[in-house]
Every structure is written in C-alpha cells, then in structure tokens.
Amino acid sequence: MAALLELHDVSLSFRGVTAIDALSFSVEQGSICALIGPNGAGKSSLLNVINGVYRADSGDIVFDGVRFEAIRPGKAARLGIGRTFQHNALFRRLSVRENVLAGLSRLGQASFIETIFRVGRDAAERRTFAARADRVIAFLGLEAHRDRIVSTLPYGVQKRVDLARALVSEPKLLLLDEPMAGMNQDEKAEMSRIISEVNRTFGTTIVLIEHDVGIVLGLARHIVVLDYGRKVADGAPDQVRDDPEVIAAYLGTVH
C-alpha cells in the first residue's frame, strides 16, 4: 500500500528547546498509526506541524503526493486533513448539529454576499452540508443528542461530537489528539471500536495519540514511539512491543 503521509527530517523547536528532532516516518494509506511516548515527547506538536498550526524549522512533508515545508490549517483542511484536539475545542453554547456543521465551514464555496442573502450557491451548499452532518451524526450514534447544547453533554459524548466535527469533512487523513483522554475503560473500548469502524467503513487513514498502550496494541497497525522529539521505534505492534528500548522506557509495567 502506498504512503499517504511522509515526513522527512522534520524538526521543530521553541526558544531553543527541541520539540521534534529530525523526525522521519511514513503512514500507509488506509492504516491506523499510533504515536506513543511520555508527556513532552513532541506528539501533539507533530500533529500541529502536519495540519499547519505550527511551521517546522526544517524538513518537509508529503501528503497525498503534495510536498510542502509549511501549510496553513485552512489549506490542510481543503487537502483532506482533519483534526481533533486533546481538550475539546467545541463551541460549548451551540448544539451538537451546529458544532458538526462548523467542521464544513472551510469547504464552503458560496461568496459572502450569497451567504448573507442566502442566494446563489448558498442554498444548495446548506442542503448538502446539512445532509453530511446528519449522516455522520447518525453514524456516530449521536442522533439522540443532535439538538442538545454541547456543554450539557457528558464528557465521553463531547469527545464523539469532536470526532464527528472532524469526520464530517470526509478527510483522507484524520489526526486524533488523545481521543480517549479522561475516559474510563468502557468508554475507551467504545471509542476504540468507533475509530476502527471509521477506518473500516470510510477507509480513512488515522494518526492518533494515545497513552493507553493496551488500547494502542489492539487498535493500531503501525506504532511510532517518540521520546523528547526523537523517534525511538517505528513498526508493527509486535515489533514495537518487543523492542528492548521501548520496553525499558514505556512498556515495562504493561502486561
């Protein structure tokens, strides 16, 4: 399978402190790749480089055949890169449906005048976006919450809303920053099932950050281990699990 995402010697630092150190790896199209490592290993910073929140100091990225050294988040979204964040960046006073529709805002083609007066392309665009939002809401089992204000929902449901907002744009690559953070084991198992179903149903390539190694070993086909921005291991779950350096650093207490 061809690579959808390739990183070549990507480095990033903040005020002289290295966050990512000449990092290179690739992610196959249609796969689930997990990034693991301790806090401060550079995992979230890496996702921010891929979707354009940060600009790398050096190196480049190839996404779906397009090579770039830097990209803006809007262009990343239009190329097909979706993103969730560790701490839900939802519009807490809006409904579930309104939050999901917000995931399509960067894809609109209607002009400002068309949108204000609801003429021209605006009407067809609204119908298309509404249908897409309703489909992903149904797929993620959020129909019962569709018109509820996000701030009134349990944390685990809010995480699904965040996923729905990223998924509604039908991204080729979905970046998930700790989608199971703060969840109990039952909630983690359910979110893991949902992520696997997204990958299987839509063929979406997924790169996720997760600290629960047991979940990672059961979900991902490819694992990259980072330590202070440096790649420690890169391979299939069995390879990574049996790597002595990984065992010593991260997996020694996992059974």
Protein backbone atom coordinates (compact mmCIF):
# COMPACT_ATOMS: atom_id res chain seq x y z
CA MET A 1 0.00 0.00 0.00
CA ALA A 2 1.30 3.46 -0.93
CA ALA A 3 2.08 6.04 1.74
CA LEU A 4 -0.50 8.80 2.18
CA LEU A 5 1.74 10.76 4.57
CA GLU A 6 5.53 11.03 4.64
CA LEU A 7 7.68 13.09 6.99
CA HIS A 8 11.27 13.83 6.02
CA ASP A 9 13.68 15.09 8.72
CA VAL A 10 11.08 17.34 10.34
CA SER A 11 12.44 19.43 13.21
CA LEU A 12 10.75 21.95 15.48
CA SER A 13 11.99 23.93 18.48
CA PHE A 14 10.58 26.53 20.84
CA ARG A 15 13.04 29.12 22.15
CA GLY A 16 15.91 26.73 21.62
CA VAL A 17 14.18 23.72 23.19
CA THR A 18 13.82 20.87 20.71
CA ALA A 19 10.27 19.53 20.39
CA ILE A 20 10.81 17.40 17.26
CA ASP A 21 14.25 16.19 16.25
CA ALA A 22 14.83 15.32 12.56
CA LEU A 23 11.81 13.02 12.53
CA SER A 24 11.07 10.80 9.54
CA PHE A 25 8.39 8.17 9.05
CA SER A 26 5.54 7.33 6.69
CA VAL A 27 1.91 6.29 7.12
CA GLU A 28 0.28 3.90 4.67
CA GLN A 29 -3.00 4.87 3.08
CA GLY A 30 -5.92 3.26 4.92
CA SER A 31 -3.93 2.40 8.05
CA ILE A 32 -4.22 3.37 11.72
CA CYS A 33 -0.93 4.73 13.08
CA ALA A 34 -0.48 5.46 16.78
CA LEU A 35 2.01 7.91 18.28
CA ILE A 36 3.06 7.00 21.80
CA GLY A 37 5.57 8.37 24.29
CA PRO A 38 5.69 10.31 27.54
CA ASN A 39 4.26 13.78 28.02
CA GLY A 40 6.52 16.29 26.32
CA ALA A 41 7.66 13.79 23.70
CA GLY A 42 6.51 16.05 20.85
CA LYS A 43 3.39 14.14 19.81
CA SER A 44 0.88 16.99 19.80
CA SER A 45 3.48 19.34 18.32
CA LEU A 46 3.90 16.88 15.46
CA LEU A 47 0.16 16.87 14.71
CA ASN A 48 0.26 20.67 14.77
CA VAL A 49 3.01 20.66 12.15
CA ILE A 50 1.12 18.21 9.91
CA ASN A 51 -2.07 20.29 9.86
CA GLY A 52 -0.36 23.67 9.74
CA VAL A 53 -0.85 25.06 13.26
CA TYR A 54 2.96 25.12 13.62
CA ARG A 55 5.59 25.63 10.96
CA ALA A 56 8.55 23.26 11.16
CA ASP A 57 12.05 24.71 11.41
CA SER A 58 13.29 22.28 8.77
CA GLY A 59 12.28 19.22 6.80
CA ASP A 60 9.23 18.66 4.67
CA ILE A 61 6.02 16.68 4.47
CA VAL A 62 4.44 14.83 1.57
CA PHE A 63 0.68 14.39 1.81
CA ASP A 64 -1.18 12.58 -0.95
CA GLY A 65 1.60 13.42 -3.38
CA VAL A 66 1.80 17.11 -2.43
CA ARG A 67 5.10 18.19 -0.86
CA PHE A 68 5.21 21.20 1.46
CA GLU A 69 7.50 22.75 4.05
CA ALA A 70 4.68 24.76 5.60
CA ILE A 71 0.91 24.85 5.20
CA ARG A 72 -1.96 26.82 6.70
CA PRO A 73 -4.73 24.98 8.56
CA GLY A 74 -7.35 26.08 6.01
CA LYS A 75 -5.39 24.64 3.11
CA ALA A 76 -4.66 21.48 5.10
CA ALA A 77 -8.41 21.02 5.61
CA ARG A 78 -9.10 21.54 1.91
CA LEU A 79 -6.40 18.99 1.01
CA GLY A 80 -8.17 16.46 3.23
CA ILE A 81 -6.54 16.65 6.68
CA GLY A 82 -8.97 16.57 9.63
CA ARG A 83 -8.04 17.16 13.27
CA THR A 84 -9.34 16.79 16.80
CA PHE A 85 -7.67 18.25 19.88
CA GLN A 86 -6.72 16.84 23.27
CA HIS A 87 -9.02 19.30 25.02
CA ASN A 88 -12.33 19.56 23.20
CA ALA A 89 -12.32 22.75 21.13
CA LEU A 90 -16.08 22.68 20.75
CA PHE A 91 -18.48 25.62 20.67
CA ARG A 92 -19.98 24.92 24.05
CA ARG A 93 -23.09 27.10 23.61
CA LEU A 94 -24.02 25.58 20.26
CA SER A 95 -25.87 22.36 19.59
CA VAL A 96 -24.28 19.10 18.50
CA ARG A 97 -25.52 19.63 14.93
CA GLU A 98 -24.22 23.20 14.81
CA ASN A 99 -20.81 22.04 16.03
CA VAL A 100 -20.67 19.32 13.39
CA LEU A 101 -21.68 21.78 10.67
CA ALA A 102 -18.79 24.00 11.78
CA GLY A 103 -16.47 21.27 10.51
CA LEU A 104 -17.56 22.17 6.97
CA SER A 105 -17.02 25.92 7.21
CA ARG A 106 -13.66 25.88 5.40
CA LEU A 107 -15.11 23.93 2.48
CA GLY A 108 -17.81 26.43 1.55
CA GLN A 109 -17.74 27.88 -1.96
CA ALA A 110 -20.56 30.42 -1.63
CA SER A 111 -19.46 34.04 -1.56
CA PHE A 112 -20.02 36.35 1.39
CA ILE A 113 -22.92 38.07 -0.43
CA GLU A 114 -24.51 34.72 -1.33
CA THR A 115 -24.26 33.59 2.29
CA ILE A 116 -25.65 36.81 3.78
CA PHE A 117 -28.67 36.92 1.43
CA ARG A 118 -28.96 33.12 1.07
CA VAL A 119 -28.95 33.23 -2.72
CA GLY A 120 -26.94 31.56 -5.49
CA ARG A 121 -24.78 28.68 -4.29
CA ASP A 122 -25.71 29.18 -0.65
CA ALA A 123 -28.99 27.23 -0.67
CA ALA A 124 -27.56 24.12 -2.35
CA GLU A 125 -24.49 24.27 -0.11
CA ARG A 126 -26.63 24.43 3.04
CA ARG A 127 -28.64 21.39 1.94
CA THR A 128 -25.51 19.40 1.11
CA PHE A 129 -23.77 20.31 4.36
CA ALA A 130 -26.89 19.53 6.44
CA ALA A 131 -27.18 16.08 4.85
CA ARG A 132 -23.50 15.35 5.50
CA ALA A 133 -23.78 16.47 9.11
CA ASP A 134 -26.85 14.30 9.69
CA ARG A 135 -25.11 11.26 8.18
CA VAL A 136 -22.08 11.49 10.44
CA ILE A 137 -24.25 12.21 13.49
CA ALA A 138 -26.18 9.02 12.77
CA PHE A 139 -23.00 7.03 12.11
CA LEU A 140 -21.53 8.02 15.48
CA GLY A 141 -24.76 7.34 17.37
CA LEU A 142 -25.37 10.98 18.26
CA GLU A 143 -28.94 11.32 16.94
CA ALA A 144 -30.46 11.46 20.43
CA HIS A 145 -28.18 14.41 21.23
CA ARG A 146 -28.43 16.20 17.87
CA ASP A 147 -30.18 19.35 19.10
CA ARG A 148 -28.71 19.44 22.61
CA ILE A 149 -26.26 22.15 23.70
CA VAL A 150 -22.79 20.62 23.81
CA SER A 151 -21.96 21.91 27.30
CA THR A 152 -24.85 19.87 28.75
CA LEU A 153 -23.48 16.56 27.46
CA PRO A 154 -21.28 14.02 29.28
CA TYR A 155 -17.56 14.24 28.52
CA GLY A 156 -17.48 10.99 26.52
CA VAL A 157 -20.30 12.21 24.27
CA GLN A 158 -18.49 15.51 23.74
CA LYS A 159 -15.45 13.57 22.52
CA ARG A 160 -17.68 11.87 19.94
CA VAL A 161 -19.01 15.27 18.84
CA ASP A 162 -15.42 16.45 18.38
CA LEU A 163 -14.76 13.37 16.24
CA ALA A 164 -17.94 13.99 14.23
CA ARG A 165 -16.87 17.56 13.50
CA ALA A 166 -13.53 16.35 12.15
CA LEU A 167 -15.09 13.46 10.21
CA VAL A 168 -17.87 15.43 8.51
CA SER A 169 -15.44 16.98 6.01
CA GLU A 170 -14.63 13.44 4.81
CA PRO A 171 -10.88 13.80 5.36
CA LYS A 172 -8.35 11.48 3.77
CA LEU A 173 -6.22 11.79 6.93
CA LEU A 174 -7.68 12.12 10.41
CA LEU A 175 -5.41 13.35 13.23
CA LEU A 176 -6.75 12.42 16.67
CA ASP A 177 -5.05 14.02 19.67
CA GLU A 178 -5.82 11.80 22.68
CA PRO A 179 -9.42 10.96 21.66
CA MET A 180 -9.77 8.77 24.78
CA ALA A 181 -8.25 11.13 27.34
CA GLY A 182 -10.23 11.23 30.58
CA MET A 183 -12.34 8.18 29.72
CA ASN A 184 -12.87 5.06 31.79
CA GLN A 185 -12.07 1.64 30.32
CA ASP A 186 -15.59 1.04 28.99
CA GLU A 187 -15.63 4.43 27.28
CA LYS A 188 -12.16 3.79 25.85
CA ALA A 189 -13.29 0.44 24.45
CA GLU A 190 -16.29 2.11 22.80
CA MET A 191 -14.21 4.93 21.31
CA SER A 192 -11.66 2.39 20.08
CA ARG A 193 -14.48 0.50 18.35
CA ILE A 194 -15.74 3.72 16.76
CA ILE A 195 -12.27 4.67 15.46
CA SER A 196 -11.82 1.20 14.00
CA GLU A 197 -15.25 1.45 12.37
CA VAL A 198 -14.41 4.85 10.85
CA ASN A 199 -11.24 3.38 9.39
CA ARG A 200 -13.00 0.29 8.07
CA THR A 201 -16.14 2.00 6.71
CA PHE A 202 -14.64 5.10 5.13
CA GLY A 203 -11.09 3.92 4.50
CA THR A 204 -9.86 6.96 6.45
CA THR A 205 -6.17 6.96 7.30
CA ILE A 206 -5.82 7.75 11.00
CA VAL A 207 -2.91 9.03 13.09
CA LEU A 208 -3.75 9.09 16.78
CA ILE A 209 -2.05 9.90 20.08
CA GLU A 210 -2.93 7.60 22.94
CA HIS A 211 -1.26 6.81 26.28
CA ASP A 212 -3.08 3.55 26.98
CA VAL A 213 -0.67 1.07 25.41
CA GLY A 214 -3.13 -1.80 25.73
CA ILE A 215 -5.64 0.11 23.58
CA VAL A 216 -2.92 1.04 21.09
CA LEU A 217 -1.70 -2.53 20.65
CA GLY A 218 -5.24 -3.68 19.87
CA LEU A 219 -6.16 -0.80 17.56
CA ALA A 220 -3.15 0.35 15.55
CA ARG A 221 -1.40 -1.47 12.72
CA HIS A 222 1.60 0.85 12.96
CA ILE A 223 3.17 2.48 16.01
CA VAL A 224 5.73 5.27 16.21
CA VAL A 225 7.36 5.82 19.61
CA LEU A 226 8.73 9.28 20.43
CA ASP A 227 10.96 10.40 23.28
CA TYR A 228 11.78 14.13 23.56
CA GLY A 229 11.06 14.57 19.86
CA ARG A 230 13.29 11.69 18.80
CA LYS A 231 11.97 8.53 17.18
CA VAL A 232 12.68 5.52 19.39
CA ALA A 233 10.80 2.87 17.42
CA ASP A 234 8.70 2.61 14.27
CA GLY A 235 6.89 -0.52 13.14
CA ALA A 236 4.10 -3.05 13.63
CA PRO A 237 2.68 -3.53 17.16
CA ASP A 238 4.57 -6.80 17.71
CA GLN A 239 7.87 -5.23 16.67
CA VAL A 240 7.38 -2.20 18.91
CA ARG A 241 6.16 -4.26 21.87
CA ASP A 242 9.27 -6.44 21.73
CA ASP A 243 11.76 -3.60 21.18
CA PRO A 244 14.11 -3.51 24.21
CA GLU A 245 14.38 0.27 24.24
CA VAL A 246 10.60 0.66 24.14
CA ILE A 247 10.13 -1.93 26.87
CA ALA A 248 12.61 -0.18 29.11
CA ALA A 249 11.18 3.27 28.54
CA TYR A 250 7.42 2.75 28.22
CA LEU A 251 6.10 -0.79 28.39
CA GLY A 252 7.89 -2.28 31.35
CA THR A 253 4.80 -2.18 33.56
CA VAL A 254 2.26 -3.18 30.94
CA HIS A 255 1.11 -6.79 30.88
